[in-house]
Amino acid sequence: MEEQNIDTYTSPMNLVCYHKQELERQLKQIQIDLNEKVNHMSGYNLKVEQLLQDYITENLHEFQKEIEHEIKLITYDYQIEAIKQEFHRQNPTEYQ
């Protein structure tokens, strides 16, 4: 995931929206890459596509683990941002 300066976000909701947009961008790129590869494959047909879909469905557990990992990272970033905002709301001195 391409990192930006997360400190620039003003609310935890903006942070969540950023991560959602980033995941949507990645999905679109993956779809584009898949279409390009499929168009260059000889012998690709609906039967091959069905076999691929069956394989993916059978191995969905691994994909689910990756998704859960991404959710945990987003939750972690959200919690850090919420803590930072609470800290700044309390007007800390430069020594804190």
PDB file of N, CA and C in Angstrom:
ATOM      1  N   MET A   1       0.838  -1.171   0.000  1.00  0.00           N
ATOM      2  CA  MET A   1       0.000   0.000   0.000  1.00  0.00           C
ATOM      3  C   MET A   1       0.891   1.245   0.000  1.00  0.00           C
ATOM      4  N   GLU A   2       0.581   2.179  -0.847  1.00  0.00           N
ATOM      5  CA  GLU A   2       1.384   3.387  -0.934  1.00  0.00           C
ATOM      6  C   GLU A   2       1.105   4.258   0.288  1.00  0.00           C
ATOM      7  N   GLU A   3       2.163   4.594   1.031  1.00  0.00           N
ATOM      8  CA  GLU A   3       2.007   5.366   2.252  1.00  0.00           C
ATOM      9  C   GLU A   3       1.995   6.854   1.962  1.00  0.00           C
ATOM     10  N   GLN A   4       1.137   7.560   2.655  1.00  0.00           N
ATOM     11  CA  GLN A   4       1.137   9.008   2.656  1.00  0.00           C
ATOM     12  C   GLN A   4       1.380   9.427   4.088  1.00  0.00           C
ATOM     13  N   ASN A   5       1.558  10.721   4.296  1.00  0.00           N
ATOM     14  CA  ASN A   5       1.760  11.214   5.646  1.00  0.00           C
ATOM     15  C   ASN A   5       0.430  11.176   6.378  1.00  0.00           C
ATOM     16  N   ILE A   6       0.229  10.191   7.225  1.00  0.00           N
ATOM     17  CA  ILE A   6      -1.036   9.975   7.904  1.00  0.00           C
ATOM     18  C   ILE A   6      -1.321  11.090   8.908  1.00  0.00           C
ATOM     19  N   ASP A   7      -0.283  11.803   9.382  1.00  0.00           N
ATOM     20  CA  ASP A   7      -0.488  12.890  10.328  1.00  0.00           C
ATOM     21  C   ASP A   7      -1.327  14.015   9.741  1.00  0.00           C
ATOM     22  N   THR A   8      -1.454  14.085   8.428  1.00  0.00           N
ATOM     23  CA  THR A   8      -2.206  15.165   7.807  1.00  0.00           C
ATOM     24  C   THR A   8      -3.711  14.956   7.902  1.00  0.00           C
ATOM     25  N   TYR A   9      -4.159  13.783   8.289  1.00  0.00           N
ATOM     26  CA  TYR A   9      -5.589  13.529   8.392  1.00  0.00           C
ATOM     27  C   TYR A   9      -6.154  14.201   9.630  1.00  0.00           C
ATOM     28  N   THR A  10      -7.350  14.744   9.494  1.00  0.00           N
ATOM     29  CA  THR A  10      -7.944  15.483  10.595  1.00  0.00           C
ATOM     30  C   THR A  10      -8.856  14.638  11.448  1.00  0.00           C
ATOM     31  N   SER A  11      -9.287  13.503  10.957  1.00  0.00           N
ATOM     32  CA  SER A  11     -10.162  12.663  11.765  1.00  0.00           C
ATOM     33  C   SER A  11      -9.895  11.194  11.472  1.00  0.00           C
ATOM     34  N   PRO A  12     -10.210  10.346  12.430  1.00  0.00           N
ATOM     35  CA  PRO A  12     -10.053   8.910  12.193  1.00  0.00           C
ATOM     36  C   PRO A  12     -10.899   8.428  11.010  1.00  0.00           C
ATOM     37  N   MET A  13     -12.057   9.065  10.787  1.00  0.00           N
ATOM     38  CA  MET A  13     -12.896   8.668   9.659  1.00  0.00           C
ATOM     39  C   MET A  13     -12.172   8.916   8.334  1.00  0.00           C
ATOM     40  N   ASN A  14     -11.435  10.016   8.251  1.00  0.00           N
ATOM     41  CA  ASN A  14     -10.661  10.282   7.038  1.00  0.00           C
ATOM     42  C   ASN A  14      -9.610   9.198   6.823  1.00  0.00           C
ATOM     43  N   LEU A  15      -9.026   8.731   7.904  1.00  0.00           N
ATOM     44  CA  LEU A  15      -8.032   7.664   7.816  1.00  0.00           C
ATOM     45  C   LEU A  15      -8.667   6.385   7.269  1.00  0.00           C
ATOM     46  N   VAL A  16      -9.848   6.061   7.761  1.00  0.00           N
ATOM     47  CA  VAL A  16     -10.563   4.880   7.278  1.00  0.00           C
ATOM     48  C   VAL A  16     -10.909   5.046   5.798  1.00  0.00           C
ATOM     49  N   CYS A  17     -11.378   6.229   5.421  1.00  0.00           N
ATOM     50  CA  CYS A  17     -11.721   6.488   4.014  1.00  0.00           C
ATOM     51  C   CYS A  17     -10.488   6.361   3.125  1.00  0.00           C
ATOM     52  N   TYR A  18      -9.357   6.854   3.609  1.00  0.00           N
ATOM     53  CA  TYR A  18      -8.115   6.734   2.837  1.00  0.00           C
ATOM     54  C   TYR A  18      -7.791   5.268   2.572  1.00  0.00           C
ATOM     55  N   HIS A  19      -7.848   4.445   3.616  1.00  0.00           N
ATOM     56  CA  HIS A  19      -7.518   3.025   3.459  1.00  0.00           C
ATOM     57  C   HIS A  19      -8.520   2.332   2.535  1.00  0.00           C
ATOM     58  N   LYS A  20      -9.790   2.696   2.649  1.00  0.00           N
ATOM     59  CA  LYS A  20     -10.812   2.115   1.773  1.00  0.00           C
ATOM     60  C   LYS A  20     -10.523   2.474   0.319  1.00  0.00           C
ATOM     61  N   GLN A  21     -10.211   3.720   0.061  1.00  0.00           N
ATOM     62  CA  GLN A  21      -9.899   4.149  -1.301  1.00  0.00           C
ATOM     63  C   GLN A  21      -8.650   3.444  -1.828  1.00  0.00           C
ATOM     64  N   GLU A  22      -7.671   3.272  -0.964  1.00  0.00           N
ATOM     65  CA  GLU A  22      -6.437   2.601  -1.376  1.00  0.00           C
ATOM     66  C   GLU A  22      -6.714   1.138  -1.748  1.00  0.00           C
ATOM     67  N   LEU A  23      -7.537   0.458  -0.957  1.00  0.00           N
ATOM     68  CA  LEU A  23      -7.885  -0.929  -1.268  1.00  0.00           C
ATOM     69  C   LEU A  23      -8.700  -1.014  -2.563  1.00  0.00           C
ATOM     70  N   GLU A  24      -9.592  -0.049  -2.780  1.00  0.00           N
ATOM     71  CA  GLU A  24     -10.361  -0.018  -4.029  1.00  0.00           C
ATOM     72  C   GLU A  24      -9.439   0.217  -5.223  1.00  0.00           C
ATOM     73  N   ARG A  25      -8.450   1.080  -5.052  1.00  0.00           N
ATOM     74  CA  ARG A  25      -7.486   1.340  -6.118  1.00  0.00           C
ATOM     75  C   ARG A  25      -6.708   0.068  -6.445  1.00  0.00           C
ATOM     76  N   GLN A  26      -6.287  -0.645  -5.405  1.00  0.00           N
ATOM     77  CA  GLN A  26      -5.554  -1.893  -5.618  1.00  0.00           C
ATOM     78  C   GLN A  26      -6.420  -2.920  -6.343  1.00  0.00           C
ATOM     79  N   LEU A  27      -7.695  -3.018  -5.966  1.00  0.00           N
ATOM     80  CA  LEU A  27      -8.601  -3.958  -6.619  1.00  0.00           C
ATOM     81  C   LEU A  27      -8.744  -3.629  -8.101  1.00  0.00           C
ATOM     82  N   LYS A  28      -8.921  -2.353  -8.429  1.00  0.00           N
ATOM     83  CA  LYS A  28      -9.035  -1.949  -9.832  1.00  0.00           C
ATOM     84  C   LYS A  28      -7.769  -2.303 -10.605  1.00  0.00           C
ATOM     85  N   GLN A  29      -6.614  -2.078  -9.992  1.00  0.00           N
ATOM     86  CA  GLN A  29      -5.354  -2.394 -10.664  1.00  0.00           C
ATOM     87  C   GLN A  29      -5.214  -3.892 -10.894  1.00  0.00           C
ATOM     88  N   ILE A  30      -5.615  -4.686  -9.925  1.00  0.00           N
ATOM     89  CA  ILE A  30      -5.560  -6.142 -10.072  1.00  0.00           C
ATOM     90  C   ILE A  30      -6.490  -6.595 -11.193  1.00  0.00           C
ATOM     91  N   GLN A  31      -7.681  -5.985 -11.272  1.00  0.00           N
ATOM     92  CA  GLN A  31      -8.616  -6.338 -12.340  1.00  0.00           C
ATOM     93  C   GLN A  31      -8.044  -5.976 -13.712  1.00  0.00           C
ATOM     94  N   ILE A  32      -7.406  -4.822 -13.810  1.00  0.00           N
ATOM     95  CA  ILE A  32      -6.774  -4.405 -15.067  1.00  0.00           C
ATOM     96  C   ILE A  32      -5.664  -5.384 -15.452  1.00  0.00           C
ATOM     97  N   ASP A  33      -4.820  -5.728 -14.470  1.00  0.00           N
ATOM     98  CA  ASP A  33      -3.725  -6.674 -14.728  1.00  0.00           C
ATOM     99  C   ASP A  33      -4.262  -8.030 -15.190  1.00  0.00           C
ATOM    100  N   LEU A  34      -5.326  -8.500 -14.536  1.00  0.00           N
ATOM    101  CA  LEU A  34      -5.922  -9.786 -14.915  1.00  0.00           C
ATOM    102  C   LEU A  34      -6.446  -9.732 -16.347  1.00  0.00           C
ATOM    103  N   ASN A  35      -7.162  -8.670 -16.679  1.00  0.00           N
ATOM    104  CA  ASN A  35      -7.701  -8.548 -18.042  1.00  0.00           C
ATOM    105  C   ASN A  35      -6.588  -8.529 -19.082  1.00  0.00           C
ATOM    106  N   GLU A  36      -5.492  -7.832 -18.784  1.00  0.00           N
ATOM    107  CA  GLU A  36      -4.365  -7.794 -19.721  1.00  0.00           C
ATOM    108  C   GLU A  36      -3.761  -9.184 -19.909  1.00  0.00           C
ATOM    109  N   LYS A  37      -3.601  -9.910 -18.817  1.00  0.00           N
ATOM    110  CA  LYS A  37      -3.015 -11.248 -18.901  1.00  0.00           C
ATOM    111  C   LYS A  37      -3.936 -12.210 -19.642  1.00  0.00           C
ATOM    112  N   VAL A  38      -5.236 -12.113 -19.358  1.00  0.00           N
ATOM    113  CA  VAL A  38      -6.200 -12.992 -20.018  1.00  0.00           C
ATOM    114  C   VAL A  38      -6.214 -12.730 -21.518  1.00  0.00           C
ATOM    115  N   ASN A  39      -6.139 -11.473 -21.914  1.00  0.00           N
ATOM    116  CA  ASN A  39      -6.173 -11.131 -23.336  1.00  0.00           C
ATOM    117  C   ASN A  39      -4.946 -11.640 -24.084  1.00  0.00           C
ATOM    118  N   HIS A  40      -3.854 -11.874 -23.380  1.00  0.00           N
ATOM    119  CA  HIS A  40      -2.630 -12.343 -24.027  1.00  0.00           C
ATOM    120  C   HIS A  40      -2.454 -13.865 -23.942  1.00  0.00           C
ATOM    121  N   MET A  41      -3.376 -14.551 -23.290  1.00  0.00           N
ATOM    122  CA  MET A  41      -3.272 -16.004 -23.150  1.00  0.00           C
ATOM    123  C   MET A  41      -3.971 -16.691 -24.315  1.00  0.00           C
ATOM    124  N   SER A  42      -3.280 -17.639 -24.901  1.00  0.00           N
ATOM    125  CA  SER A  42      -3.947 -18.422 -25.943  1.00  0.00           C
ATOM    126  C   SER A  42      -4.671 -19.579 -25.269  1.00  0.00           C
ATOM    127  N   GLY A  43      -5.830 -19.904 -25.769  1.00  0.00           N
ATOM    128  CA  GLY A  43      -6.583 -21.020 -25.213  1.00  0.00           C
ATOM    129  C   GLY A  43      -7.398 -20.670 -23.986  1.00  0.00           C
ATOM    130  N   TYR A  44      -7.444 -19.394 -23.626  1.00  0.00           N
ATOM    131  CA  TYR A  44      -8.254 -19.007 -22.463  1.00  0.00           C
ATOM    132  C   TYR A  44      -9.710 -18.971 -22.895  1.00  0.00           C
ATOM    133  N   ASN A  45     -10.557 -19.647 -22.137  1.00  0.00           N
ATOM    134  CA  ASN A  45     -11.985 -19.650 -22.452  1.00  0.00           C
ATOM    135  C   ASN A  45     -12.787 -19.726 -21.164  1.00  0.00           C
ATOM    136  N   LEU A  46     -14.089 -19.840 -21.307  1.00  0.00           N
ATOM    137  CA  LEU A  46     -14.955 -19.858 -20.126  1.00  0.00           C
ATOM    138  C   LEU A  46     -14.681 -21.063 -19.229  1.00  0.00           C
ATOM    139  N   LYS A  47     -14.282 -22.184 -19.815  1.00  0.00           N
ATOM    140  CA  LYS A  47     -13.978 -23.366 -19.000  1.00  0.00           C
ATOM    141  C   LYS A  47     -12.756 -23.100 -18.117  1.00  0.00           C
ATOM    142  N   VAL A  48     -11.737 -22.488 -18.687  1.00  0.00           N
ATOM    143  CA  VAL A  48     -10.542 -22.141 -17.912  1.00  0.00           C
ATOM    144  C   VAL A  48     -10.918 -21.139 -16.822  1.00  0.00           C
ATOM    145  N   GLU A  49     -11.740 -20.164 -17.173  1.00  0.00           N
ATOM    146  CA  GLU A  49     -12.173 -19.178 -16.181  1.00  0.00           C
ATOM    147  C   GLU A  49     -12.923 -19.854 -15.036  1.00  0.00           C
ATOM    148  N   GLN A  50     -13.788 -20.820 -15.357  1.00  0.00           N
ATOM    149  CA  GLN A  50     -14.525 -21.540 -14.321  1.00  0.00           C
ATOM    150  C   GLN A  50     -13.574 -22.337 -13.436  1.00  0.00           C
ATOM    151  N   LEU A  51     -12.567 -22.959 -14.027  1.00  0.00           N
ATOM    152  CA  LEU A  51     -11.575 -23.695 -13.237  1.00  0.00           C
ATOM    153  C   LEU A  51     -10.832 -22.758 -12.284  1.00  0.00           C
ATOM    154  N   LEU A  52     -10.480 -21.574 -12.777  1.00  0.00           N
ATOM    155  CA  LEU A  52      -9.809 -20.589 -11.923  1.00  0.00           C
ATOM    156  C   LEU A  52     -10.718 -20.140 -10.785  1.00  0.00           C
ATOM    157  N   GLN A  53     -11.973 -19.890 -11.096  1.00  0.00           N
ATOM    158  CA  GLN A  53     -12.912 -19.475 -10.053  1.00  0.00           C
ATOM    159  C   GLN A  53     -13.084 -20.570  -9.007  1.00  0.00           C
ATOM    160  N   ASP A  54     -13.157 -21.815  -9.450  1.00  0.00           N
ATOM    161  CA  ASP A  54     -13.266 -22.940  -8.514  1.00  0.00           C
ATOM    162  C   ASP A  54     -12.032 -23.022  -7.618  1.00  0.00           C
ATOM    163  N   TYR A  55     -10.857 -22.851  -8.210  1.00  0.00           N
ATOM    164  CA  TYR A  55      -9.609 -22.893  -7.443  1.00  0.00           C
ATOM    165  C   TYR A  55      -9.590 -21.779  -6.398  1.00  0.00           C
ATOM    166  N   ILE A  56      -9.964 -20.587  -6.815  1.00  0.00           N
ATOM    167  CA  ILE A  56      -9.970 -19.444  -5.890  1.00  0.00           C
ATOM    168  C   ILE A  56     -10.955 -19.682  -4.759  1.00  0.00           C
ATOM    169  N   THR A  57     -12.136 -20.187  -5.095  1.00  0.00           N
ATOM    170  CA  THR A  57     -13.142 -20.460  -4.069  1.00  0.00           C
ATOM    171  C   THR A  57     -12.624 -21.476  -3.057  1.00  0.00           C
ATOM    172  N   GLU A  58     -11.971 -22.517  -3.551  1.00  0.00           N
ATOM    173  CA  GLU A  58     -11.434 -23.544  -2.662  1.00  0.00           C
ATOM    174  C   GLU A  58     -10.333 -22.996  -1.756  1.00  0.00           C
ATOM    175  N   ASN A  59      -9.601 -22.020  -2.252  1.00  0.00           N
ATOM    176  CA  ASN A  59      -8.477 -21.475  -1.494  1.00  0.00           C
ATOM    177  C   ASN A  59      -8.778 -20.103  -0.907  1.00  0.00           C
ATOM    178  N   LEU A  60     -10.036 -19.824  -0.743  1.00  0.00           N
ATOM    179  CA  LEU A  60     -10.469 -18.525  -0.248  1.00  0.00           C
ATOM    180  C   LEU A  60      -9.955 -18.238   1.161  1.00  0.00           C
ATOM    181  N   HIS A  61      -9.681 -19.274   1.900  1.00  0.00           N
ATOM    182  CA  HIS A  61      -9.204 -19.101   3.278  1.00  0.00           C
ATOM    183  C   HIS A  61      -7.947 -18.235   3.324  1.00  0.00           C
ATOM    184  N   GLU A  62      -7.028 -18.462   2.410  1.00  0.00           N
ATOM    185  CA  GLU A  62      -5.795 -17.663   2.385  1.00  0.00           C
ATOM    186  C   GLU A  62      -6.095 -16.203   2.081  1.00  0.00           C
ATOM    187  N   PHE A  63      -6.999 -15.971   1.143  1.00  0.00           N
ATOM    188  CA  PHE A  63      -7.380 -14.599   0.822  1.00  0.00           C
ATOM    189  C   PHE A  63      -8.048 -13.937   2.024  1.00  0.00           C
ATOM    190  N   GLN A  64      -8.874 -14.703   2.733  1.00  0.00           N
ATOM    191  CA  GLN A  64      -9.556 -14.173   3.914  1.00  0.00           C
ATOM    192  C   GLN A  64      -8.537 -13.762   4.973  1.00  0.00           C
ATOM    193  N   LYS A  65      -7.479 -14.545   5.137  1.00  0.00           N
ATOM    194  CA  LYS A  65      -6.434 -14.190   6.102  1.00  0.00           C
ATOM    195  C   LYS A  65      -5.769 -12.870   5.719  1.00  0.00           C
ATOM    196  N   GLU A  66      -5.525 -12.680   4.426  1.00  0.00           N
ATOM    197  CA  GLU A  66      -4.920 -11.429   3.972  1.00  0.00           C
ATOM    198  C   GLU A  66      -5.846 -10.248   4.237  1.00  0.00           C
ATOM    199  N   ILE A  67      -7.128 -10.431   3.985  1.00  0.00           N
ATOM    200  CA  ILE A  67      -8.102  -9.363   4.227  1.00  0.00           C
ATOM    201  C   ILE A  67      -8.161  -9.034   5.714  1.00  0.00           C
ATOM    202  N   GLU A  68      -8.208 -10.047   6.552  1.00  0.00           N
ATOM    203  CA  GLU A  68      -8.242  -9.825   7.996  1.00  0.00           C
ATOM    204  C   GLU A  68      -6.984  -9.102   8.464  1.00  0.00           C
ATOM    205  N   HIS A  69      -5.853  -9.424   7.870  1.00  0.00           N
ATOM    206  CA  HIS A  69      -4.607  -8.744   8.213  1.00  0.00           C
ATOM    207  C   HIS A  69      -4.699  -7.259   7.856  1.00  0.00           C
ATOM    208  N   GLU A  70      -5.220  -6.952   6.670  1.00  0.00           N
ATOM    209  CA  GLU A  70      -5.392  -5.552   6.255  1.00  0.00           C
ATOM    210  C   GLU A  70      -6.325  -4.819   7.210  1.00  0.00           C
ATOM    211  N   ILE A  71      -7.403  -5.476   7.625  1.00  0.00           N
ATOM    212  CA  ILE A  71      -8.349  -4.858   8.558  1.00  0.00           C
ATOM    213  C   ILE A  71      -7.660  -4.552   9.879  1.00  0.00           C
ATOM    214  N   LYS A  72      -6.832  -5.473  10.360  1.00  0.00           N
ATOM    215  CA  LYS A  72      -6.106  -5.238  11.611  1.00  0.00           C
ATOM    216  C   LYS A  72      -5.154  -4.056  11.479  1.00  0.00           C
ATOM    217  N   LEU A  73      -4.476  -3.944  10.337  1.00  0.00           N
ATOM    218  CA  LEU A  73      -3.574  -2.812  10.122  1.00  0.00           C
ATOM    219  C   LEU A  73      -4.339  -1.495  10.110  1.00  0.00           C
ATOM    220  N   ILE A  74      -5.484  -1.483   9.451  1.00  0.00           N
ATOM    221  CA  ILE A  74      -6.297  -0.267   9.406  1.00  0.00           C
ATOM    222  C   ILE A  74      -6.799   0.082  10.798  1.00  0.00           C
ATOM    223  N   THR A  75      -7.236  -0.924  11.549  1.00  0.00           N
ATOM    224  CA  THR A  75      -7.701  -0.689  12.917  1.00  0.00           C
ATOM    225  C   THR A  75      -6.573  -0.130  13.773  1.00  0.00           C
ATOM    226  N   TYR A  76      -5.390  -0.680  13.617  1.00  0.00           N
ATOM    227  CA  TYR A  76      -4.225  -0.214  14.363  1.00  0.00           C
ATOM    228  C   TYR A  76      -3.917   1.242  14.023  1.00  0.00           C
ATOM    229  N   ASP A  77      -3.911   1.585  12.723  1.00  0.00           N
ATOM    230  CA  ASP A  77      -3.675   2.970  12.310  1.00  0.00           C
ATOM    231  C   ASP A  77      -4.751   3.898  12.863  1.00  0.00           C
ATOM    232  N   TYR A  78      -5.995   3.436  12.852  1.00  0.00           N
ATOM    233  CA  TYR A  78      -7.113   4.222  13.374  1.00  0.00           C
ATOM    234  C   TYR A  78      -6.905   4.507  14.864  1.00  0.00           C
ATOM    235  N   GLN A  79      -6.530   3.485  15.620  1.00  0.00           N
ATOM    236  CA  GLN A  79      -6.329   3.654  17.060  1.00  0.00           C
ATOM    237  C   GLN A  79      -5.173   4.605  17.347  1.00  0.00           C
ATOM    238  N   ILE A  80      -4.099   4.494  16.593  1.00  0.00           N
ATOM    239  CA  ILE A  80      -2.962   5.402  16.774  1.00  0.00           C
ATOM    240  C   ILE A  80      -3.388   6.836  16.503  1.00  0.00           C
ATOM    241  N   GLU A  81      -4.128   7.036  15.426  1.00  0.00           N
ATOM    242  CA  GLU A  81      -4.584   8.384  15.079  1.00  0.00           C
ATOM    243  C   GLU A  81      -5.507   8.938  16.161  1.00  0.00           C
ATOM    244  N   ALA A  82      -6.395   8.118  16.701  1.00  0.00           N
ATOM    245  CA  ALA A  82      -7.299   8.561  17.763  1.00  0.00           C
ATOM    246  C   ALA A  82      -6.509   8.951  19.012  1.00  0.00           C
ATOM    247  N   ILE A  83      -5.493   8.184  19.350  1.00  0.00           N
ATOM    248  CA  ILE A  83      -4.656   8.502  20.513  1.00  0.00           C
ATOM    249  C   ILE A  83      -3.904   9.806  20.285  1.00  0.00           C
ATOM    250  N   LYS A  84      -3.350   9.995  19.086  1.00  0.00           N
ATOM    251  CA  LYS A  84      -2.639  11.242  18.774  1.00  0.00           C
ATOM    252  C   LYS A  84      -3.565  12.444  18.905  1.00  0.00           C
ATOM    253  N   GLN A  85      -4.775  12.304  18.366  1.00  0.00           N
ATOM    254  CA  GLN A  85      -5.709  13.425  18.431  1.00  0.00           C
ATOM    255  C   GLN A  85      -6.095  13.741  19.872  1.00  0.00           C
ATOM    256  N   GLU A  86      -6.317  12.719  20.672  1.00  0.00           N
ATOM    257  CA  GLU A  86      -6.650  12.949  22.082  1.00  0.00           C
ATOM    258  C   GLU A  86      -5.484  13.615  22.801  1.00  0.00           C
ATOM    259  N   PHE A  87      -4.283  13.185  22.508  1.00  0.00           N
ATOM    260  CA  PHE A  87      -3.094  13.782  23.113  1.00  0.00           C
ATOM    261  C   PHE A  87      -3.006  15.263  22.758  1.00  0.00           C
ATOM    262  N   HIS A  88      -3.219  15.595  21.478  1.00  0.00           N
ATOM    263  CA  HIS A  88      -3.134  16.993  21.049  1.00  0.00           C
ATOM    264  C   HIS A  88      -4.282  17.835  21.593  1.00  0.00           C
ATOM    265  N   ARG A  89      -5.435  17.225  21.842  1.00  0.00           N
ATOM    266  CA  ARG A  89      -6.566  17.956  22.434  1.00  0.00           C
ATOM    267  C   ARG A  89      -6.255  18.407  23.855  1.00  0.00           C
ATOM    268  N   GLN A  90      -5.380  17.686  24.513  1.00  0.00           N
ATOM    269  CA  GLN A  90      -5.058  18.013  25.898  1.00  0.00           C
ATOM    270  C   GLN A  90      -3.964  19.062  25.998  1.00  0.00           C
ATOM    271  N   ASN A  91      -3.593  19.670  24.865  1.00  0.00           N
ATOM    272  CA  ASN A  91      -2.599  20.745  24.818  1.00  0.00           C
ATOM    273  C   ASN A  91      -1.313  20.387  25.565  1.00  0.00           C
ATOM    274  N   PRO A  92      -0.573  19.427  25.076  1.00  0.00           N
ATOM    275  CA  PRO A  92       0.657  19.014  25.767  1.00  0.00           C
ATOM    276  C   PRO A  92       1.736  20.094  25.679  1.00  0.00           C
ATOM    277  N   THR A  93       2.603  20.088  26.661  1.00  0.00           N
ATOM    278  CA  THR A  93       3.745  20.996  26.611  1.00  0.00           C
ATOM    279  C   THR A  93       4.811  20.361  25.729  1.00  0.00           C
ATOM    280  N   GLU A  94       5.844  21.120  25.388  1.00  0.00           N
ATOM    281  CA  GLU A  94       6.884  20.582  24.510  1.00  0.00           C
ATOM    282  C   GLU A  94       7.685  19.466  25.163  1.00  0.00           C
ATOM    283  N   TYR A  95       7.614  19.316  26.483  1.00  0.00           N
ATOM    284  CA  TYR A  95       8.385  18.289  27.190  1.00  0.00           C
ATOM    285  C   TYR A  95       7.612  16.983  27.355  1.00  0.00           C
ATOM    286  N   GLN A  96       6.369  16.929  26.945  1.00  0.00           N
ATOM    287  CA  GLN A  96       5.573  15.711  27.137  1.00  0.00           C
ATOM    288  C   GLN A  96       5.738  14.770  26.012  1.00  0.00           C
TER     289      GLN A  96
END
